[in-house]
Amino acid sequence: MDFTIRPVRPEEYEELGEVTARAYLDDGHLDLGEDDDYLHVLRDVAHRAAEAEVLVAVDDEDGTVLGGVAFTAGGREYADIAVEGEAEFRMLAVAHAARGRGVGEALVRACVDRARALGSTRLVLSTQPGMVRAHRIYERLGFVRTPERDWSPVPGLLLLTYALEL
């Protein structure tokens, strides 16, 4: 592995915010315009870091931000679907240029490790139907679909859910 996973630093907020927004825009999974309110949410790493643990993958050679993810315990304000005793990760994103290096899987594994360290019974997540590459990572790591928990944050957007029993 030629990158490191660690907590994000304030000086990396802007770069990670742009990586996250670009990942969502470039993959075309959401019908987002450049001025969409959700892009502001994706770019607001400072808010995420205040509400959850934000992990970042950085290149060991030049320190470039390669990707990131937000992790939270269930029952906290930043959790979308996790309840007490569970943990959740959100906004997993990998820079286009860093794809194929194992960054996404490493970030998910870091969340699994963090959930186990907290004593969580389950790690859960929501994902868009078109994020097939991410689904393959989740399934390879043992996550299973939990269709009974699928939900819509806004009309017309169905989010699929996965869970990993810990």
N, C-alpha and C. Protein backbone atom coordinates (compact mmCIF):
# COMPACT_ATOMS: atom_id res chain seq x y z
N MET A 1 0.85 -1.18 0.00
CA MET A 1 0.00 0.00 0.00
C MET A 1 0.90 1.24 0.00
N ASP A 2 0.67 2.13 -0.91
CA ASP A 2 1.48 3.34 -1.03
C ASP A 2 0.72 4.58 -0.56
N PHE A 3 -0.21 4.35 0.36
CA PHE A 3 -0.97 5.45 0.94
C PHE A 3 -1.28 5.12 2.39
N THR A 4 -1.66 6.15 3.13
CA THR A 4 -1.95 6.02 4.56
C THR A 4 -3.38 6.46 4.83
N ILE A 5 -4.06 5.71 5.71
CA ILE A 5 -5.40 6.09 6.17
C ILE A 5 -5.24 6.68 7.56
N ARG A 6 -5.81 7.85 7.79
CA ARG A 6 -5.72 8.52 9.09
C ARG A 6 -6.83 9.56 9.19
N PRO A 7 -7.02 10.13 10.40
CA PRO A 7 -8.00 11.21 10.52
C PRO A 7 -7.61 12.40 9.64
N VAL A 8 -8.61 13.03 9.05
CA VAL A 8 -8.37 14.19 8.20
C VAL A 8 -7.86 15.35 9.04
N ARG A 9 -7.03 16.18 8.44
CA ARG A 9 -6.51 17.38 9.10
C ARG A 9 -7.23 18.59 8.53
N PRO A 10 -7.40 19.63 9.33
CA PRO A 10 -8.13 20.82 8.85
C PRO A 10 -7.59 21.38 7.54
N GLU A 11 -6.30 21.32 7.34
CA GLU A 11 -5.75 21.86 6.10
C GLU A 11 -6.09 20.99 4.89
N GLU A 12 -6.68 19.82 5.11
CA GLU A 12 -7.08 18.93 4.02
C GLU A 12 -8.58 18.99 3.73
N TYR A 13 -9.33 19.73 4.53
CA TYR A 13 -10.78 19.79 4.37
C TYR A 13 -11.20 20.18 2.95
N GLU A 14 -10.59 21.24 2.45
CA GLU A 14 -11.00 21.73 1.13
C GLU A 14 -10.70 20.70 0.05
N GLU A 15 -9.51 20.09 0.10
CA GLU A 15 -9.13 19.10 -0.92
C GLU A 15 -10.04 17.88 -0.85
N LEU A 16 -10.31 17.38 0.36
CA LEU A 16 -11.20 16.23 0.49
C LEU A 16 -12.62 16.59 0.06
N GLY A 17 -13.07 17.78 0.37
CA GLY A 17 -14.40 18.21 -0.07
C GLY A 17 -14.52 18.20 -1.58
N GLU A 18 -13.47 18.64 -2.25
CA GLU A 18 -13.50 18.65 -3.72
C GLU A 18 -13.43 17.23 -4.27
N VAL A 19 -12.61 16.38 -3.67
CA VAL A 19 -12.54 14.97 -4.10
C VAL A 19 -13.92 14.33 -3.97
N THR A 20 -14.60 14.59 -2.87
CA THR A 20 -15.91 14.00 -2.62
C THR A 20 -16.94 14.52 -3.62
N ALA A 21 -16.99 15.82 -3.79
CA ALA A 21 -17.95 16.41 -4.74
C ALA A 21 -17.68 15.90 -6.16
N ARG A 22 -16.42 15.87 -6.56
CA ARG A 22 -16.08 15.41 -7.92
C ARG A 22 -16.46 13.94 -8.11
N ALA A 23 -16.26 13.12 -7.09
CA ALA A 23 -16.61 11.70 -7.20
C ALA A 23 -18.10 11.55 -7.47
N TYR A 24 -18.92 12.32 -6.78
CA TYR A 24 -20.36 12.24 -6.98
C TYR A 24 -20.77 12.85 -8.32
N LEU A 25 -20.15 13.96 -8.70
CA LEU A 25 -20.50 14.61 -9.97
C LEU A 25 -20.03 13.79 -11.17
N ASP A 26 -18.78 13.37 -11.14
CA ASP A 26 -18.18 12.70 -12.30
C ASP A 26 -18.78 11.34 -12.58
N ASP A 27 -19.21 10.66 -11.53
CA ASP A 27 -19.80 9.34 -11.74
C ASP A 27 -21.24 9.43 -12.21
N GLY A 28 -21.83 10.61 -12.11
CA GLY A 28 -23.18 10.81 -12.62
C GLY A 28 -24.25 10.03 -11.90
N HIS A 29 -23.99 9.68 -10.64
CA HIS A 29 -24.98 8.91 -9.90
C HIS A 29 -26.12 9.78 -9.39
N LEU A 30 -25.84 11.03 -9.25
CA LEU A 30 -26.88 11.97 -8.84
C LEU A 30 -27.08 12.97 -9.96
N ASP A 31 -28.28 13.43 -10.09
CA ASP A 31 -28.56 14.45 -11.08
C ASP A 31 -28.24 15.80 -10.44
N LEU A 32 -26.95 16.11 -10.35
CA LEU A 32 -26.50 17.31 -9.68
C LEU A 32 -25.99 18.33 -10.68
N GLY A 33 -26.35 19.56 -10.44
CA GLY A 33 -25.74 20.65 -11.17
C GLY A 33 -24.65 21.24 -10.30
N GLU A 34 -23.79 22.05 -10.89
CA GLU A 34 -22.66 22.62 -10.15
C GLU A 34 -23.08 23.49 -8.96
N ASP A 35 -24.33 23.92 -8.93
CA ASP A 35 -24.78 24.77 -7.83
C ASP A 35 -25.78 24.05 -6.92
N ASP A 36 -25.87 22.74 -7.03
CA ASP A 36 -26.79 21.96 -6.23
C ASP A 36 -26.43 22.05 -4.74
N ASP A 37 -27.43 22.16 -3.89
CA ASP A 37 -27.20 22.25 -2.45
C ASP A 37 -26.44 21.06 -1.90
N TYR A 38 -26.68 19.86 -2.44
CA TYR A 38 -26.00 18.68 -1.91
C TYR A 38 -24.49 18.73 -2.16
N LEU A 39 -24.07 19.40 -3.21
CA LEU A 39 -22.64 19.57 -3.43
C LEU A 39 -22.00 20.37 -2.31
N HIS A 40 -22.74 21.33 -1.78
CA HIS A 40 -22.23 22.09 -0.64
C HIS A 40 -22.04 21.18 0.57
N VAL A 41 -22.96 20.25 0.75
CA VAL A 41 -22.85 19.28 1.84
C VAL A 41 -21.63 18.39 1.62
N LEU A 42 -21.46 17.90 0.40
CA LEU A 42 -20.32 17.03 0.09
C LEU A 42 -18.99 17.75 0.29
N ARG A 43 -18.97 19.03 0.00
CA ARG A 43 -17.72 19.80 0.14
C ARG A 43 -17.46 20.25 1.57
N ASP A 44 -18.44 20.19 2.44
CA ASP A 44 -18.32 20.72 3.80
C ASP A 44 -17.70 19.71 4.76
N VAL A 45 -16.42 19.45 4.57
CA VAL A 45 -15.71 18.49 5.41
C VAL A 45 -15.59 19.00 6.84
N ALA A 46 -15.49 20.30 7.03
CA ALA A 46 -15.40 20.85 8.38
C ALA A 46 -16.63 20.46 9.20
N HIS A 47 -17.80 20.55 8.59
CA HIS A 47 -19.03 20.15 9.30
C HIS A 47 -19.01 18.65 9.60
N ARG A 48 -18.62 17.83 8.60
CA ARG A 48 -18.54 16.38 8.82
C ARG A 48 -17.61 16.07 9.97
N ALA A 49 -16.45 16.72 9.97
CA ALA A 49 -15.44 16.45 11.00
C ALA A 49 -15.91 16.87 12.39
N ALA A 50 -16.81 17.85 12.45
CA ALA A 50 -17.36 18.28 13.74
C ALA A 50 -18.42 17.30 14.25
N GLU A 51 -19.08 16.60 13.32
CA GLU A 51 -20.19 15.71 13.67
C GLU A 51 -19.83 14.23 13.66
N ALA A 52 -18.73 13.87 12.99
CA ALA A 52 -18.37 12.46 12.82
C ALA A 52 -16.84 12.36 12.74
N GLU A 53 -16.35 11.14 12.63
CA GLU A 53 -14.93 10.93 12.39
C GLU A 53 -14.74 10.89 10.88
N VAL A 54 -13.84 11.70 10.38
CA VAL A 54 -13.57 11.71 8.95
C VAL A 54 -12.17 11.13 8.74
N LEU A 55 -12.13 10.05 7.97
CA LEU A 55 -10.86 9.41 7.64
C LEU A 55 -10.48 9.80 6.22
N VAL A 56 -9.19 9.94 6.00
CA VAL A 56 -8.69 10.34 4.70
C VAL A 56 -7.59 9.36 4.29
N ALA A 57 -7.50 9.11 2.99
CA ALA A 57 -6.38 8.35 2.42
C ALA A 57 -5.47 9.36 1.74
N VAL A 58 -4.20 9.35 2.11
CA VAL A 58 -3.24 10.28 1.51
C VAL A 58 -2.08 9.50 0.90
N ASP A 59 -1.62 9.98 -0.24
CA ASP A 59 -0.50 9.37 -0.93
C ASP A 59 0.76 9.53 -0.08
N ASP A 60 1.49 8.43 0.12
CA ASP A 60 2.70 8.47 0.95
C ASP A 60 3.81 9.32 0.35
N GLU A 61 3.83 9.43 -0.96
CA GLU A 61 4.91 10.16 -1.62
C GLU A 61 4.71 11.66 -1.60
N ASP A 62 3.50 12.11 -1.99
CA ASP A 62 3.32 13.56 -2.12
C ASP A 62 2.22 14.15 -1.24
N GLY A 63 1.56 13.32 -0.44
CA GLY A 63 0.54 13.82 0.48
C GLY A 63 -0.78 14.17 -0.15
N THR A 64 -0.96 13.85 -1.43
CA THR A 64 -2.22 14.14 -2.12
C THR A 64 -3.36 13.37 -1.46
N VAL A 65 -4.50 14.03 -1.30
CA VAL A 65 -5.69 13.36 -0.78
C VAL A 65 -6.26 12.47 -1.89
N LEU A 66 -6.36 11.18 -1.59
CA LEU A 66 -6.84 10.20 -2.56
C LEU A 66 -8.30 9.85 -2.37
N GLY A 67 -8.81 10.05 -1.15
CA GLY A 67 -10.19 9.73 -0.86
C GLY A 67 -10.49 9.93 0.61
N GLY A 68 -11.75 9.69 0.96
CA GLY A 68 -12.13 9.85 2.36
C GLY A 68 -13.48 9.25 2.63
N VAL A 69 -13.83 9.23 3.92
CA VAL A 69 -15.09 8.66 4.37
C VAL A 69 -15.43 9.26 5.74
N ALA A 70 -16.73 9.37 6.01
CA ALA A 70 -17.19 9.81 7.33
C ALA A 70 -17.71 8.59 8.08
N PHE A 71 -17.33 8.46 9.35
CA PHE A 71 -17.71 7.33 10.18
C PHE A 71 -18.38 7.87 11.44
N THR A 72 -19.45 7.21 11.86
CA THR A 72 -20.14 7.63 13.08
C THR A 72 -20.77 6.43 13.78
N ALA A 73 -20.91 6.56 15.07
CA ALA A 73 -21.63 5.56 15.85
C ALA A 73 -23.13 5.78 15.67
N GLY A 74 -23.89 4.70 15.79
CA GLY A 74 -25.33 4.79 15.67
C GLY A 74 -25.95 5.63 16.77
N GLY A 75 -27.08 6.24 16.44
CA GLY A 75 -27.77 7.06 17.42
C GLY A 75 -27.26 8.49 17.48
N ARG A 76 -26.20 8.79 16.77
CA ARG A 76 -25.67 10.15 16.74
C ARG A 76 -26.32 10.92 15.60
N GLU A 77 -26.23 12.22 15.67
CA GLU A 77 -26.89 13.08 14.69
C GLU A 77 -26.44 12.80 13.25
N TYR A 78 -25.20 12.43 13.05
CA TYR A 78 -24.70 12.24 11.70
C TYR A 78 -25.07 10.88 11.10
N ALA A 79 -25.64 10.01 11.89
CA ALA A 79 -26.05 8.69 11.40
C ALA A 79 -27.37 8.82 10.64
N ASP A 80 -27.40 8.28 9.43
CA ASP A 80 -28.64 8.26 8.66
C ASP A 80 -29.51 7.07 9.06
N ILE A 81 -28.90 5.88 9.17
CA ILE A 81 -29.69 4.68 9.42
C ILE A 81 -29.22 3.87 10.62
N ALA A 82 -28.01 4.09 11.10
CA ALA A 82 -27.50 3.31 12.22
C ALA A 82 -28.22 3.67 13.51
N VAL A 83 -28.55 2.64 14.27
CA VAL A 83 -29.18 2.82 15.58
C VAL A 83 -28.15 2.51 16.66
N GLU A 84 -28.51 2.72 17.90
CA GLU A 84 -27.62 2.41 19.02
C GLU A 84 -27.05 1.01 18.85
N GLY A 85 -25.76 0.86 19.08
CA GLY A 85 -25.11 -0.43 18.96
C GLY A 85 -24.54 -0.71 17.58
N GLU A 86 -24.94 0.09 16.60
CA GLU A 86 -24.42 -0.04 15.25
C GLU A 86 -23.47 1.12 14.97
N ALA A 87 -22.76 1.02 13.86
CA ALA A 87 -21.94 2.12 13.36
C ALA A 87 -22.29 2.28 11.88
N GLU A 88 -21.92 3.41 11.32
CA GLU A 88 -22.28 3.71 9.94
C GLU A 88 -21.16 4.51 9.29
N PHE A 89 -20.98 4.29 7.99
CA PHE A 89 -20.11 5.20 7.25
C PHE A 89 -20.88 5.80 6.09
N ARG A 90 -20.46 7.02 5.73
CA ARG A 90 -21.13 7.80 4.70
C ARG A 90 -20.11 8.51 3.84
N MET A 91 -20.57 8.92 2.67
CA MET A 91 -19.78 9.77 1.78
C MET A 91 -18.40 9.19 1.45
N LEU A 92 -18.35 7.89 1.24
CA LEU A 92 -17.12 7.26 0.76
C LEU A 92 -16.82 7.80 -0.63
N ALA A 93 -15.62 8.31 -0.83
CA ALA A 93 -15.26 8.88 -2.13
C ALA A 93 -13.78 8.63 -2.40
N VAL A 94 -13.48 8.33 -3.65
CA VAL A 94 -12.10 8.14 -4.10
C VAL A 94 -11.88 9.00 -5.33
N ALA A 95 -10.77 9.71 -5.34
CA ALA A 95 -10.42 10.54 -6.50
C ALA A 95 -10.31 9.66 -7.73
N HIS A 96 -10.79 10.18 -8.85
CA HIS A 96 -10.76 9.40 -10.09
C HIS A 96 -9.36 8.87 -10.40
N ALA A 97 -8.34 9.71 -10.23
CA ALA A 97 -6.97 9.32 -10.54
C ALA A 97 -6.43 8.24 -9.60
N ALA A 98 -7.08 8.05 -8.45
CA ALA A 98 -6.61 7.07 -7.46
C ALA A 98 -7.35 5.74 -7.54
N ARG A 99 -8.31 5.64 -8.43
CA ARG A 99 -9.09 4.39 -8.52
C ARG A 99 -8.20 3.25 -8.98
N GLY A 100 -8.50 2.06 -8.46
CA GLY A 100 -7.72 0.88 -8.81
C GLY A 100 -6.52 0.65 -7.89
N ARG A 101 -6.33 1.53 -6.91
CA ARG A 101 -5.20 1.40 -5.98
C ARG A 101 -5.61 0.77 -4.65
N GLY A 102 -6.90 0.44 -4.50
CA GLY A 102 -7.36 -0.16 -3.25
C GLY A 102 -7.75 0.85 -2.19
N VAL A 103 -7.87 2.11 -2.58
CA VAL A 103 -8.19 3.17 -1.62
C VAL A 103 -9.58 2.98 -1.02
N GLY A 104 -10.57 2.75 -1.86
CA GLY A 104 -11.94 2.57 -1.35
C GLY A 104 -12.03 1.41 -0.38
N GLU A 105 -11.45 0.28 -0.76
CA GLU A 105 -11.49 -0.89 0.13
C GLU A 105 -10.76 -0.61 1.44
N ALA A 106 -9.62 0.07 1.37
CA ALA A 106 -8.88 0.39 2.59
C ALA A 106 -9.68 1.30 3.51
N LEU A 107 -10.40 2.26 2.94
CA LEU A 107 -11.23 3.14 3.76
C LEU A 107 -12.37 2.37 4.41
N VAL A 108 -12.99 1.45 3.66
CA VAL A 108 -14.06 0.63 4.25
C VAL A 108 -13.50 -0.24 5.36
N ARG A 109 -12.34 -0.87 5.12
CA ARG A 109 -11.72 -1.70 6.16
C ARG A 109 -11.40 -0.89 7.41
N ALA A 110 -10.98 0.36 7.23
CA ALA A 110 -10.71 1.23 8.38
C ALA A 110 -11.99 1.47 9.17
N CYS A 111 -13.12 1.61 8.48
CA CYS A 111 -14.40 1.79 9.16
C CYS A 111 -14.80 0.51 9.91
N VAL A 112 -14.55 -0.64 9.30
CA VAL A 112 -14.83 -1.92 9.97
C VAL A 112 -14.01 -2.01 11.25
N ASP A 113 -12.72 -1.70 11.15
CA ASP A 113 -11.86 -1.74 12.33
C ASP A 113 -12.34 -0.77 13.41
N ARG A 114 -12.75 0.42 12.99
CA ARG A 114 -13.22 1.43 13.95
C ARG A 114 -14.50 0.97 14.63
N ALA A 115 -15.43 0.37 13.86
CA ALA A 115 -16.68 -0.13 14.42
C ALA A 115 -16.42 -1.24 15.43
N ARG A 116 -15.50 -2.14 15.10
CA ARG A 116 -15.15 -3.21 16.05
C ARG A 116 -14.54 -2.64 17.32
N ALA A 117 -13.67 -1.64 17.16
CA ALA A 117 -13.03 -1.02 18.32
C ALA A 117 -14.06 -0.37 19.25
N LEU A 118 -15.15 0.12 18.68
CA LEU A 118 -16.22 0.72 19.49
C LEU A 118 -17.14 -0.32 20.11
N GLY A 119 -17.01 -1.58 19.69
CA GLY A 119 -17.89 -2.63 20.19
C GLY A 119 -19.23 -2.68 19.49
N SER A 120 -19.30 -2.10 18.29
CA SER A 120 -20.56 -2.12 17.53
C SER A 120 -20.89 -3.54 17.11
N THR A 121 -22.18 -3.84 17.03
CA THR A 121 -22.62 -5.17 16.60
C THR A 121 -22.72 -5.28 15.09
N ARG A 122 -22.82 -4.13 14.42
CA ARG A 122 -23.07 -4.12 12.97
C ARG A 122 -22.56 -2.79 12.40
N LEU A 123 -22.06 -2.86 11.17
CA LEU A 123 -21.68 -1.65 10.43
C LEU A 123 -22.62 -1.55 9.24
N VAL A 124 -23.25 -0.40 9.07
CA VAL A 124 -24.26 -0.22 8.03
C VAL A 124 -23.89 0.95 7.12
N LEU A 125 -24.50 0.95 5.94
CA LEU A 125 -24.27 2.03 5.00
C LEU A 125 -25.43 2.13 4.04
N SER A 126 -25.55 3.29 3.42
CA SER A 126 -26.51 3.53 2.35
C SER A 126 -25.72 3.81 1.08
N THR A 127 -26.25 3.39 -0.06
CA THR A 127 -25.56 3.58 -1.32
C THR A 127 -26.58 3.75 -2.44
N GLN A 128 -26.15 4.40 -3.49
CA GLN A 128 -27.02 4.58 -4.64
C GLN A 128 -26.95 3.33 -5.53
N PRO A 129 -28.05 3.00 -6.19
CA PRO A 129 -28.08 1.80 -7.04
C PRO A 129 -26.98 1.76 -8.10
N GLY A 130 -26.57 2.89 -8.63
CA GLY A 130 -25.57 2.91 -9.69
C GLY A 130 -24.13 2.78 -9.23
N MET A 131 -23.88 2.78 -7.95
CA MET A 131 -22.50 2.71 -7.44
C MET A 131 -22.01 1.26 -7.39
N VAL A 132 -21.99 0.64 -8.53
CA VAL A 132 -21.70 -0.79 -8.64
C VAL A 132 -20.30 -1.14 -8.16
N ARG A 133 -19.30 -0.30 -8.46
CA ARG A 133 -17.93 -0.57 -7.99
C ARG A 133 -17.88 -0.64 -6.48
N ALA A 134 -18.57 0.28 -5.83
CA ALA A 134 -18.61 0.28 -4.37
C ALA A 134 -19.33 -0.96 -3.85
N HIS A 135 -20.42 -1.35 -4.51
CA HIS A 135 -21.17 -2.53 -4.08
C HIS A 135 -20.27 -3.77 -4.10
N ARG A 136 -19.42 -3.87 -5.12
CA ARG A 136 -18.51 -5.02 -5.21
C ARG A 136 -17.55 -5.04 -4.01
N ILE A 137 -17.05 -3.88 -3.60
CA ILE A 137 -16.18 -3.81 -2.43
C ILE A 137 -16.95 -4.29 -1.20
N TYR A 138 -18.14 -3.75 -0.99
CA TYR A 138 -18.92 -4.12 0.19
C TYR A 138 -19.17 -5.62 0.23
N GLU A 139 -19.58 -6.17 -0.88
CA GLU A 139 -19.90 -7.61 -0.92
C GLU A 139 -18.65 -8.46 -0.71
N ARG A 140 -17.52 -8.04 -1.28
CA ARG A 140 -16.26 -8.76 -1.09
C ARG A 140 -15.85 -8.79 0.38
N LEU A 141 -16.19 -7.72 1.10
CA LEU A 141 -15.82 -7.63 2.52
C LEU A 141 -16.86 -8.25 3.44
N GLY A 142 -17.92 -8.82 2.87
CA GLY A 142 -18.90 -9.53 3.69
C GLY A 142 -20.18 -8.79 4.01
N PHE A 143 -20.33 -7.58 3.49
CA PHE A 143 -21.58 -6.85 3.69
C PHE A 143 -22.69 -7.55 2.91
N VAL A 144 -23.89 -7.52 3.44
CA VAL A 144 -25.05 -8.10 2.75
C VAL A 144 -26.13 -7.02 2.61
N ARG A 145 -26.90 -7.14 1.55
CA ARG A 145 -28.00 -6.20 1.31
C ARG A 145 -29.04 -6.35 2.40
N THR A 146 -29.59 -5.22 2.81
CA THR A 146 -30.67 -5.18 3.80
C THR A 146 -31.82 -4.36 3.21
N PRO A 147 -32.54 -4.93 2.24
CA PRO A 147 -33.57 -4.16 1.53
C PRO A 147 -34.67 -3.63 2.43
N GLU A 148 -34.87 -4.26 3.57
CA GLU A 148 -35.90 -3.77 4.49
C GLU A 148 -35.55 -2.41 5.09
N ARG A 149 -34.28 -1.99 4.94
CA ARG A 149 -33.84 -0.70 5.46
C ARG A 149 -33.65 0.34 4.35
N ASP A 150 -33.86 -0.03 3.09
CA ASP A 150 -33.72 0.93 1.99
C ASP A 150 -34.61 2.14 2.27
N TRP A 151 -34.17 3.30 1.82
CA TRP A 151 -34.91 4.52 2.13
C TRP A 151 -34.66 5.59 1.07
N SER A 152 -35.46 6.64 1.15
CA SER A 152 -35.36 7.77 0.21
C SER A 152 -35.18 9.06 0.99
N PRO A 153 -34.00 9.69 0.89
CA PRO A 153 -33.79 10.96 1.59
C PRO A 153 -34.57 12.11 0.96
N VAL A 154 -34.79 11.99 -0.35
CA VAL A 154 -35.58 12.97 -1.10
C VAL A 154 -36.41 12.19 -2.12
N PRO A 155 -37.54 12.73 -2.53
CA PRO A 155 -38.36 12.04 -3.52
C PRO A 155 -37.56 11.71 -4.79
N GLY A 156 -37.72 10.50 -5.27
CA GLY A 156 -37.07 10.08 -6.50
C GLY A 156 -35.67 9.52 -6.34
N LEU A 157 -35.13 9.50 -5.11
CA LEU A 157 -33.80 8.94 -4.88
C LEU A 157 -33.90 7.82 -3.86
N LEU A 158 -33.80 6.58 -4.33
CA LEU A 158 -33.82 5.42 -3.45
C LEU A 158 -32.39 5.05 -3.09
N LEU A 159 -32.13 4.91 -1.80
CA LEU A 159 -30.82 4.46 -1.35
C LEU A 159 -30.93 3.01 -0.90
N LEU A 160 -30.02 2.20 -1.38
CA LEU A 160 -29.93 0.80 -0.97
C LEU A 160 -29.08 0.73 0.30
N THR A 161 -29.34 -0.27 1.13
CA THR A 161 -28.57 -0.40 2.36
C THR A 161 -27.88 -1.75 2.41
N TYR A 162 -26.75 -1.74 3.11
CA TYR A 162 -25.94 -2.94 3.35
C TYR A 162 -25.59 -2.95 4.83
N ALA A 163 -25.29 -4.16 5.33
CA ALA A 163 -24.85 -4.30 6.71
C ALA A 163 -23.79 -5.39 6.80
N LEU A 164 -22.89 -5.21 7.73
CA LEU A 164 -21.88 -6.21 8.05
C LEU A 164 -22.03 -6.54 9.52
N GLU A 165 -22.30 -7.80 9.81
CA GLU A 165 -22.39 -8.24 11.20
C GLU A 165 -20.97 -8.31 11.76
N LEU A 166 -20.78 -7.72 12.90
CA LEU A 166 -19.47 -7.72 13.54
C LEU A 166 -19.52 -8.69 14.69
